[in-house]
C-alpha atoms as a PDB file:
ATOM      1  CA  MET A   1     102.351 101.466  46.795  1.00  0.00           C
ATOM      2  CA  ALA A   2     104.409 103.881  48.866  1.00  0.00           C
ATOM      3  CA  LEU A   3     102.574 105.673  51.637  1.00  0.00           C
ATOM      4  CA  THR A   4     103.067 109.430  51.653  1.00  0.00           C
ATOM      5  CA  ARG A   5     103.883 111.693  54.568  1.00  0.00           C
ATOM      6  CA  ARG A   6     105.926 114.849  55.055  1.00  0.00           C
ATOM      7  CA  LEU A   7     107.844 114.295  58.246  1.00  0.00           C
ATOM      8  CA  VAL A   8     109.848 111.135  58.552  1.00  0.00           C
ATOM      9  CA  GLY A   9     111.892 108.885  60.834  1.00  0.00           C
ATOM     10  CA  THR A  10     111.578 105.344  62.116  1.00  0.00           C
ATOM     11  CA  LEU A  11     112.271 103.075  65.012  1.00  0.00           C
ATOM     12  CA  GLY A  12     111.041  99.918  63.314  1.00  0.00           C
ATOM     13  CA  ALA A  13     108.223  97.545  64.100  1.00  0.00           C
ATOM     14  CA  LEU A  14     110.014  95.224  66.510  1.00  0.00           C
ATOM     15  CA  PRO A  15     109.086  95.653  70.186  1.00  0.00           C
ATOM     16  CA  ALA A  16     112.677  96.341  71.175  1.00  0.00           C
ATOM     17  CA  LEU A  17     112.996  99.039  68.549  1.00  0.00           C
ATOM     18  CA  ALA A  18     109.616 100.492  69.385  1.00  0.00           C
ATOM     19  CA  LEU A  19     110.872 101.075  72.914  1.00  0.00           C
ATOM     20  CA  LEU A  20     113.333 103.601  71.524  1.00  0.00           C
ATOM     21  CA  ALA A  21     110.516 106.108  71.107  1.00  0.00           C
ATOM     22  CA  CYS A  22     109.760 105.820  74.805  1.00  0.00           C
ATOM     23  CA  ALA A  23     113.448 105.950  75.618  1.00  0.00           C
ATOM     24  CA  VAL A  24     113.669 109.392  74.056  1.00  0.00           C
ATOM     25  CA  ALA A  25     111.322 110.920  76.609  1.00  0.00           C
ATOM     26  CA  ALA A  26     112.656 108.719  79.408  1.00  0.00           C
ATOM     27  CA  ALA A  27     116.205 109.806  78.753  1.00  0.00           C
ATOM     28  CA  ILE A  28     115.234 113.424  79.332  1.00  0.00           C
ATOM     29  CA  VAL A  29     113.385 112.709  82.562  1.00  0.00           C
ATOM     30  CA  ALA A  30     116.092 110.363  83.876  1.00  0.00           C
ATOM     31  CA  GLY A  31     118.917 112.712  83.018  1.00  0.00           C
ATOM     32  CA  GLY A  32     120.169 110.821  79.961  1.00  0.00           C
ATOM     33  CA  SER A  33     121.683 107.722  81.549  1.00  0.00           C
ATOM     34  CA  GLY A  34     124.598 106.533  79.480  1.00  0.00           C
ATOM     35  CA  SER A  35     124.576 109.734  77.414  1.00  0.00           C
ATOM     36  CA  THR A  36     127.608 111.413  75.908  1.00  0.00           C
ATOM     37  CA  ALA A  37     128.063 115.024  76.930  1.00  0.00           C
ATOM     38  CA  ALA A  38     128.980 117.556  74.245  1.00  0.00           C
ATOM     39  CA  PRO A  39     131.655 120.153  75.070  1.00  0.00           C
ATOM     40  CA  VAL A  40     129.992 123.544  75.406  1.00  0.00           C
ATOM     41  CA  ALA A  41     133.139 125.210  74.068  1.00  0.00           C
ATOM     42  CA  ASP A  42     132.542 123.613  70.665  1.00  0.00           C
ATOM     43  CA  GLU A  43     129.127 125.218  70.224  1.00  0.00           C
ATOM     44  CA  GLN A  44     128.692 127.793  67.497  1.00  0.00           C
ATOM     45  CA  THR A  45     125.802 128.679  65.211  1.00  0.00           C
ATOM     46  CA  VAL A  46     126.201 128.246  61.457  1.00  0.00           C
ATOM     47  CA  PRO A  47     123.887 128.917  58.478  1.00  0.00           C
ATOM     48  CA  LEU A  48     122.189 125.609  57.699  1.00  0.00           C
ATOM     49  CA  ASP A  49     121.673 126.237  53.979  1.00  0.00           C
ATOM     50  CA  ARG A  50     125.397 126.764  53.399  1.00  0.00           C
ATOM     51  CA  LEU A  51     126.214 123.635  55.354  1.00  0.00           C
ATOM     52  CA  ILE A  52     123.891 121.269  53.492  1.00  0.00           C
ATOM     53  CA  ALA A  53     124.965 122.718  50.133  1.00  0.00           C
ATOM     54  CA  GLY A  54     128.312 120.997  50.658  1.00  0.00           C
ATOM     55  CA  TRP A  55     126.911 117.597  51.640  1.00  0.00           C
ATOM     56  CA  PRO A  56     127.212 114.631  49.271  1.00  0.00           C
ATOM     57  CA  SER A  57     124.074 113.127  47.722  1.00  0.00           C
ATOM     58  CA  SER A  58     124.963 109.688  49.082  1.00  0.00           C
ATOM     59  CA  TYR A  59     126.418 108.185  52.228  1.00  0.00           C
ATOM     60  CA  SER A  60     126.586 105.075  54.353  1.00  0.00           C
ATOM     61  CA  VAL A  61     127.142 105.055  58.107  1.00  0.00           C
ATOM     62  CA  THR A  62     127.607 102.046  60.363  1.00  0.00           C
ATOM     63  CA  ALA A  63     127.669 102.150  64.154  1.00  0.00           C
ATOM     64  CA  THR A  64     126.454 100.449  67.297  1.00  0.00           C
ATOM     65  CA  LYS A  65     124.274 101.581  70.194  1.00  0.00           C
ATOM     66  CA  SER A  66     124.536  99.644  73.441  1.00  0.00           C
ATOM     67  CA  GLU A  67     121.588  99.062  75.753  1.00  0.00           C
ATOM     68  CA  PRO A  68     121.491  97.034  79.003  1.00  0.00           C
ATOM     69  CA  GLN A  69     119.804  94.032  77.355  1.00  0.00           C
ATOM     70  CA  TYR A  70     120.993  94.265  73.752  1.00  0.00           C
ATOM     71  CA  VAL A  71     123.292  95.979  71.261  1.00  0.00           C
ATOM     72  CA  GLU A  72     121.914  97.661  68.148  1.00  0.00           C
ATOM     73  CA  HIS A  73     123.993  97.407  64.969  1.00  0.00           C
ATOM     74  CA  ILE A  74     122.927 100.389  62.880  1.00  0.00           C
ATOM     75  CA  THR A  75     123.379 101.044  59.181  1.00  0.00           C
ATOM     76  CA  THR A  76     121.913 104.181  57.649  1.00  0.00           C
ATOM     77  CA  THR A  77     122.355 105.121  54.007  1.00  0.00           C
ATOM     78  CA  ARG A  78     121.354 107.642  51.371  1.00  0.00           C
ATOM     79  CA  ASP A  79     121.378 107.283  47.600  1.00  0.00           C
ATOM     80  CA  GLY A  80     120.139 110.499  46.030  1.00  0.00           C
ATOM     81  CA  ASP A  81     116.483 110.908  47.025  1.00  0.00           C
ATOM     82  CA  ARG A  82     116.294 107.527  48.808  1.00  0.00           C
ATOM     83  CA  PHE A  83     117.087 106.896  52.469  1.00  0.00           C
ATOM     84  CA  ALA A  84     117.239 103.545  54.261  1.00  0.00           C
ATOM     85  CA  LEU A  85     117.881 102.381  57.808  1.00  0.00           C
ATOM     86  CA  GLU A  86     118.644  98.894  59.104  1.00  0.00           C
ATOM     87  CA  ILE A  87     118.896  98.030  62.786  1.00  0.00           C
ATOM     88  CA  VAL A  88     120.005  94.536  63.797  1.00  0.00           C
ATOM     89  CA  ILE A  89     119.693  93.658  67.473  1.00  0.00           C
ATOM     90  CA  ALA A  90     122.219  91.355  69.086  1.00  0.00           C
ATOM     91  CA  ALA A  91     120.524  90.101  72.236  1.00  0.00           C
ATOM     92  CA  GLN A  92     122.223  89.710  75.600  1.00  0.00           C
ATOM     93  CA  GLY A  93     120.991  87.300  78.231  1.00  0.00           C
ATOM     94  CA  SER A  94     117.355  86.332  77.734  1.00  0.00           C
ATOM     95  CA  SER A  95     116.463  89.273  75.483  1.00  0.00           C
ATOM     96  CA  ALA A  96     115.119  88.561  72.010  1.00  0.00           C
ATOM     97  CA  GLY A  97     117.073  89.699  68.961  1.00  0.00           C
ATOM     98  CA  GLY A  98     115.786  90.706  65.566  1.00  0.00           C
ATOM     99  CA  SER A  99     116.132  93.262  62.820  1.00  0.00           C
ATOM    100  CA  SER A 100     114.225  96.135  61.271  1.00  0.00           C
ATOM    101  CA  LEU A 101     114.471  97.780  57.858  1.00  0.00           C
ATOM    102  CA  ALA A 102     112.903 101.070  56.783  1.00  0.00           C
ATOM    103  CA  GLU A 103     113.102 103.017  53.553  1.00  0.00           C
ATOM    104  CA  VAL A 104     111.735 106.379  52.404  1.00  0.00           C
ATOM    105  CA  ALA A 105     112.068 108.604  49.358  1.00  0.00           C
ATOM    106  CA  VAL A 106     111.799 112.381  48.919  1.00  0.00           C
ATOM    107  CA  SER A 107     110.214 113.815  45.790  1.00  0.00           C
ATOM    108  CA  THR A 108     111.461 116.926  44.012  1.00  0.00           C
ATOM    109  CA  GLU A 109     108.563 118.788  45.659  1.00  0.00           C
ATOM    110  CA  GLY A 110     109.659 117.639  49.111  1.00  0.00           C
ATOM    111  CA  ILE A 111     107.020 114.973  49.709  1.00  0.00           C
ATOM    112  CA  VAL A 112     108.359 112.029  51.727  1.00  0.00           C
ATOM    113  CA  SER A 113     106.990 108.572  50.871  1.00  0.00           C
ATOM    114  CA  TRP A 114     107.452 105.377  52.832  1.00  0.00           C
ATOM    115  CA  THR A 115     108.614 102.425  50.757  1.00  0.00           C
ATOM    116  CA  THR A 116     108.796  99.970  53.643  1.00  0.00           C
ATOM    117  CA  GLY A 117     109.083  99.817  57.410  1.00  0.00           C
ATOM    118  CA  CYS A 118     106.509 102.314  58.680  1.00  0.00           C
ATOM    119  CA  SER A 119     105.311 101.147  62.101  1.00  0.00           C
ATOM    120  CA  GLU A 120     102.641 103.812  62.642  1.00  0.00           C
ATOM    121  CA  PRO A 121      98.912 102.897  62.447  1.00  0.00           C
ATOM    122  CA  ASP A 122      98.407 105.566  59.775  1.00  0.00           C
ATOM    123  CA  CYS A 123     101.443 106.455  57.657  1.00  0.00           C
ATOM    124  CA  SER A 124      99.537 108.908  55.470  1.00  0.00           C
ATOM    125  CA  ASP A 125      99.040 111.662  58.042  1.00  0.00           C
ATOM    126  CA  ASP A 126     101.458 114.380  59.141  1.00  0.00           C
ATOM    127  CA  ASN A 127     102.284 112.923  62.554  1.00  0.00           C
ATOM    128  CA  SER A 128     106.075 113.060  62.459  1.00  0.00           C
ATOM    129  CA  VAL A 129     108.333 110.261  63.644  1.00  0.00           C
ATOM    130  CA  ARG A 130     111.956 111.047  64.391  1.00  0.00           C
ATOM    131  CA  GLY A 131     115.091 108.928  64.347  1.00  0.00           C
ATOM    132  CA  PHE A 132     118.060 108.139  62.159  1.00  0.00           C
ATOM    133  CA  LEU A 133     115.982 108.848  59.030  1.00  0.00           C
ATOM    134  CA  ALA A 134     115.508 112.509  59.965  1.00  0.00           C
ATOM    135  CA  ALA A 135     117.903 113.352  57.113  1.00  0.00           C
ATOM    136  CA  ALA A 136     114.937 112.768  54.812  1.00  0.00           C
ATOM    137  CA  ALA A 137     112.876 115.269  56.800  1.00  0.00           C
ATOM    138  CA  LEU A 138     115.665 117.821  56.459  1.00  0.00           C
ATOM    139  CA  LEU A 139     115.825 117.322  52.682  1.00  0.00           C
ATOM    140  CA  SER A 140     112.044 117.670  52.567  1.00  0.00           C
ATOM    141  CA  ALA A 141     112.221 120.944  54.500  1.00  0.00           C
ATOM    142  CA  ASP A 142     114.874 122.266  52.127  1.00  0.00           C
ATOM    143  CA  ARG A 143     112.819 121.446  49.039  1.00  0.00           C
ATOM    144  CA  GLU A 144     109.673 122.952  50.549  1.00  0.00           C
ATOM    145  CA  ASP A 145     111.501 126.201  51.419  1.00  0.00           C
ATOM    146  CA  ARG A 146     110.996 125.754  55.165  1.00  0.00           C
ATOM    147  CA  LEU A 147     114.563 124.905  56.125  1.00  0.00           C
ATOM    148  CA  PRO A 148     115.554 126.128  59.614  1.00  0.00           C
ATOM    149  CA  ALA A 149     117.953 129.066  59.305  1.00  0.00           C
ATOM    150  CA  THR A 150     120.735 127.808  61.538  1.00  0.00           C
ATOM    151  CA  ALA A 151     122.284 124.776  63.220  1.00  0.00           C
ATOM    152  CA  VAL A 152     124.538 124.452  66.258  1.00  0.00           C
ATOM    153  CA  LEU A 153     127.877 122.702  65.831  1.00  0.00           C
ATOM    154  CA  ARG A 154     128.693 120.128  68.510  1.00  0.00           C
ATOM    155  CA  GLN A 155     131.236 117.356  68.954  1.00  0.00           C
ATOM    156  CA  LEU A 156     130.161 113.704  69.184  1.00  0.00           C
ATOM    157  CA  GLY A 157     133.401 111.902  69.917  1.00  0.00           C
ATOM    158  CA  GLU A 158     135.644 112.605  66.933  1.00  0.00           C
ATOM    159  CA  HIS A 159     132.685 113.510  64.741  1.00  0.00           C
ATOM    160  CA  GLN A 160     131.486 117.079  64.341  1.00  0.00           C
ATOM    161  CA  VAL A 161     127.724 117.354  63.998  1.00  0.00           C
ATOM    162  CA  ALA A 162     125.249 120.113  63.252  1.00  0.00           C
ATOM    163  CA  CYS A 163     122.234 119.998  65.555  1.00  0.00           C
ATOM    164  CA  VAL A 164     118.972 121.387  64.196  1.00  0.00           C
ATOM    165  CA  SER A 165     116.149 122.609  66.413  1.00  0.00           C
ATOM    166  CA  ASP A 166     113.509 119.892  66.698  1.00  0.00           C
ATOM    167  CA  SER A 167     110.744 122.462  67.071  1.00  0.00           C
ATOM    168  CA  GLU A 168     111.817 124.215  63.867  1.00  0.00           C
ATOM    169  CA  LEU A 169     112.230 121.044  61.808  1.00  0.00           C
ATOM    170  CA  PHE A 170     108.984 119.501  63.106  1.00  0.00           C
ATOM    171  CA  PRO A 171     106.796 122.544  63.934  1.00  0.00           C
ATOM    172  CA  ALA A 172     103.504 120.671  63.618  1.00  0.00           C
ATOM    173  CA  SER A 173     104.396 117.861  66.000  1.00  0.00           C
ATOM    174  CA  ALA A 174     102.647 117.728  69.362  1.00  0.00           C
ATOM    175  CA  ALA A 175     105.595 115.769  70.799  1.00  0.00           C
ATOM    176  CA  THR A 176     107.855 118.789  70.490  1.00  0.00           C
ATOM    177  CA  ALA A 177     106.589 120.321  73.716  1.00  0.00           C
ATOM    178  CA  LEU A 178     107.066 117.055  75.635  1.00  0.00           C
ATOM    179  CA  ALA A 179     110.472 115.830  74.590  1.00  0.00           C
ATOM    180  CA  ARG A 180     112.777 118.066  72.609  1.00  0.00           C
ATOM    181  CA  LEU A 181     115.678 116.124  71.177  1.00  0.00           C
ATOM    182  CA  ASP A 182     117.426 117.982  68.390  1.00  0.00           C
ATOM    183  CA  PRO A 183     118.598 115.723  65.531  1.00  0.00           C
ATOM    184  CA  CYS A 184     122.317 116.118  64.875  1.00  0.00           C
ATOM    185  CA  PHE A 185     123.687 115.652  61.364  1.00  0.00           C
ATOM    186  CA  SER A 186     127.234 114.752  60.415  1.00  0.00           C
ATOM    187  CA  VAL A 187     129.048 117.800  59.069  1.00  0.00           C
ATOM    188  CA  GLU A 188     130.835 115.492  56.621  1.00  0.00           C
ATOM    189  CA  THR A 189     127.925 113.490  55.168  1.00  0.00           C
ATOM    190  CA  GLY A 190     124.604 114.867  56.459  1.00  0.00           C
ATOM    191  CA  ALA A 191     123.674 111.571  58.103  1.00  0.00           C
ATOM    192  CA  VAL A 192     121.964 111.640  61.507  1.00  0.00           C
ATOM    193  CA  LEU A 193     124.482 110.466  64.106  1.00  0.00           C
ATOM    194  CA  GLY A 194     122.610 111.349  67.276  1.00  0.00           C
ATOM    195  CA  HIS A 195     120.144 113.522  69.152  1.00  0.00           C
ATOM    196  CA  TYR A 196     120.970 116.295  71.603  1.00  0.00           C
ATOM    197  CA  SER A 197     118.923 117.239  74.662  1.00  0.00           C
ATOM    198  CA  ILE A 198     118.943 120.948  75.473  1.00  0.00           C
ATOM    199  CA  VAL A 199     117.591 120.120  78.932  1.00  0.00           C
ATOM    200  CA  ASN A 200     120.467 117.779  79.811  1.00  0.00           C
ATOM    201  CA  ALA A 201     123.132 119.410  77.628  1.00  0.00           C
ATOM    202  CA  ALA A 202     124.012 115.926  76.393  1.00  0.00           C
ATOM    203  CA  PHE A 203     123.480 113.461  73.572  1.00  0.00           C
ATOM    204  CA  VAL A 204     120.682 111.042  74.540  1.00  0.00           C
ATOM    205  CA  GLY A 205     118.056 108.810  72.972  1.00  0.00           C
ATOM    206  CA  PRO A 206     118.767 107.597  69.408  1.00  0.00           C
ATOM    207  CA  THR A 207     122.494 108.344  69.364  1.00  0.00           C
ATOM    208  CA  MET A 208     125.261 106.188  67.915  1.00  0.00           C
ATOM    209  CA  SER A 209     128.201 105.222  70.127  1.00  0.00           C
ATOM    210  CA  PRO A 210     130.851 107.761  69.037  1.00  0.00           C
ATOM    211  CA  GLY A 211     133.764 105.331  68.882  1.00  0.00           C
ATOM    212  CA  SER A 212     131.853 102.923  66.631  1.00  0.00           C
ATOM    213  CA  ILE A 213     130.849 105.374  63.895  1.00  0.00           C
ATOM    214  CA  ALA A 214     132.239 104.778  60.401  1.00  0.00           C
ATOM    215  CA  GLU A 215     131.202 107.093  57.544  1.00  0.00           C
ATOM    216  CA  THR A 216     131.595 106.878  53.792  1.00  0.00           C
ATOM    217  CA  VAL A 217     130.139 108.833  50.876  1.00  0.00           C
ATOM    218  CA  GLU A 218     129.222 105.613  49.078  1.00  0.00           C
ATOM    219  CA  PRO A 219     125.650 104.265  49.490  1.00  0.00           C
ATOM    220  CA  SER A 220     124.725 100.747  50.622  1.00  0.00           C
ATOM    221  CA  PRO A 221     122.612  99.463  47.697  1.00  0.00           C
ATOM    222  CA  ALA A 222     121.721  96.218  49.458  1.00  0.00           C
ATOM    223  CA  LEU A 223     119.484  98.068  51.932  1.00  0.00           C
ATOM    224  CA  PHE A 224     117.187  99.522  49.266  1.00  0.00           C
ATOM    225  CA  THR A 225     114.123  97.579  48.193  1.00  0.00           C
ATOM    226  CA  SER A 226     113.113 100.080  45.521  1.00  0.00           C
ATOM    227  CA  PRO A 227     114.983 100.804  42.276  1.00  0.00           C
ATOM    228  CA  PRO A 228     116.685 104.185  41.853  1.00  0.00           C
ATOM    229  CA  ALA A 229     114.605 106.905  40.205  1.00  0.00           C
END
């Protein structure tokens, strides 16, 4: 049975993927090593409700994210109310590889339920977890009439993204005060492509390599373990 929670994201259960959560805070303290700076000139504030009204109800995004010891091959997809994320690790040197799959669904009332892949000890509470599945949290916020009013447009390589305030999207999270990374959604599809650090004025943490990103409005059915509603 699906476990229910309101604020969603995932980094998977594998040790290597679990380290991503720590990397978020570490990237801020260390100055975002390997981060991709966003041109300040591209920044402008736009109404978020108008932006998401034009997004498709399905997408599939593939990309990579390179780390010193491994490369993550990322696929994130949406099919209506269902969201899924697969991360396959290609090890380098003596590092171990592996894969992780997570899936959530958003009800018409805005409740987010885990189908598979929750790595938290208790997936029924409101302790939010961020990541490439934050698109589900945004849909939840929209359906619960708590959508942040605006987003900031930034450029991630050739992809324009809309970055939403972490503290506004996840107001109940204690982690907000420690490590603010704003999730950034593709202007074309609504998929999360990266996270932006206000402190470093750069994309850090869970962010796809810009040159590797490929987007489509078609879902990836093979990633879903649950049938469509």
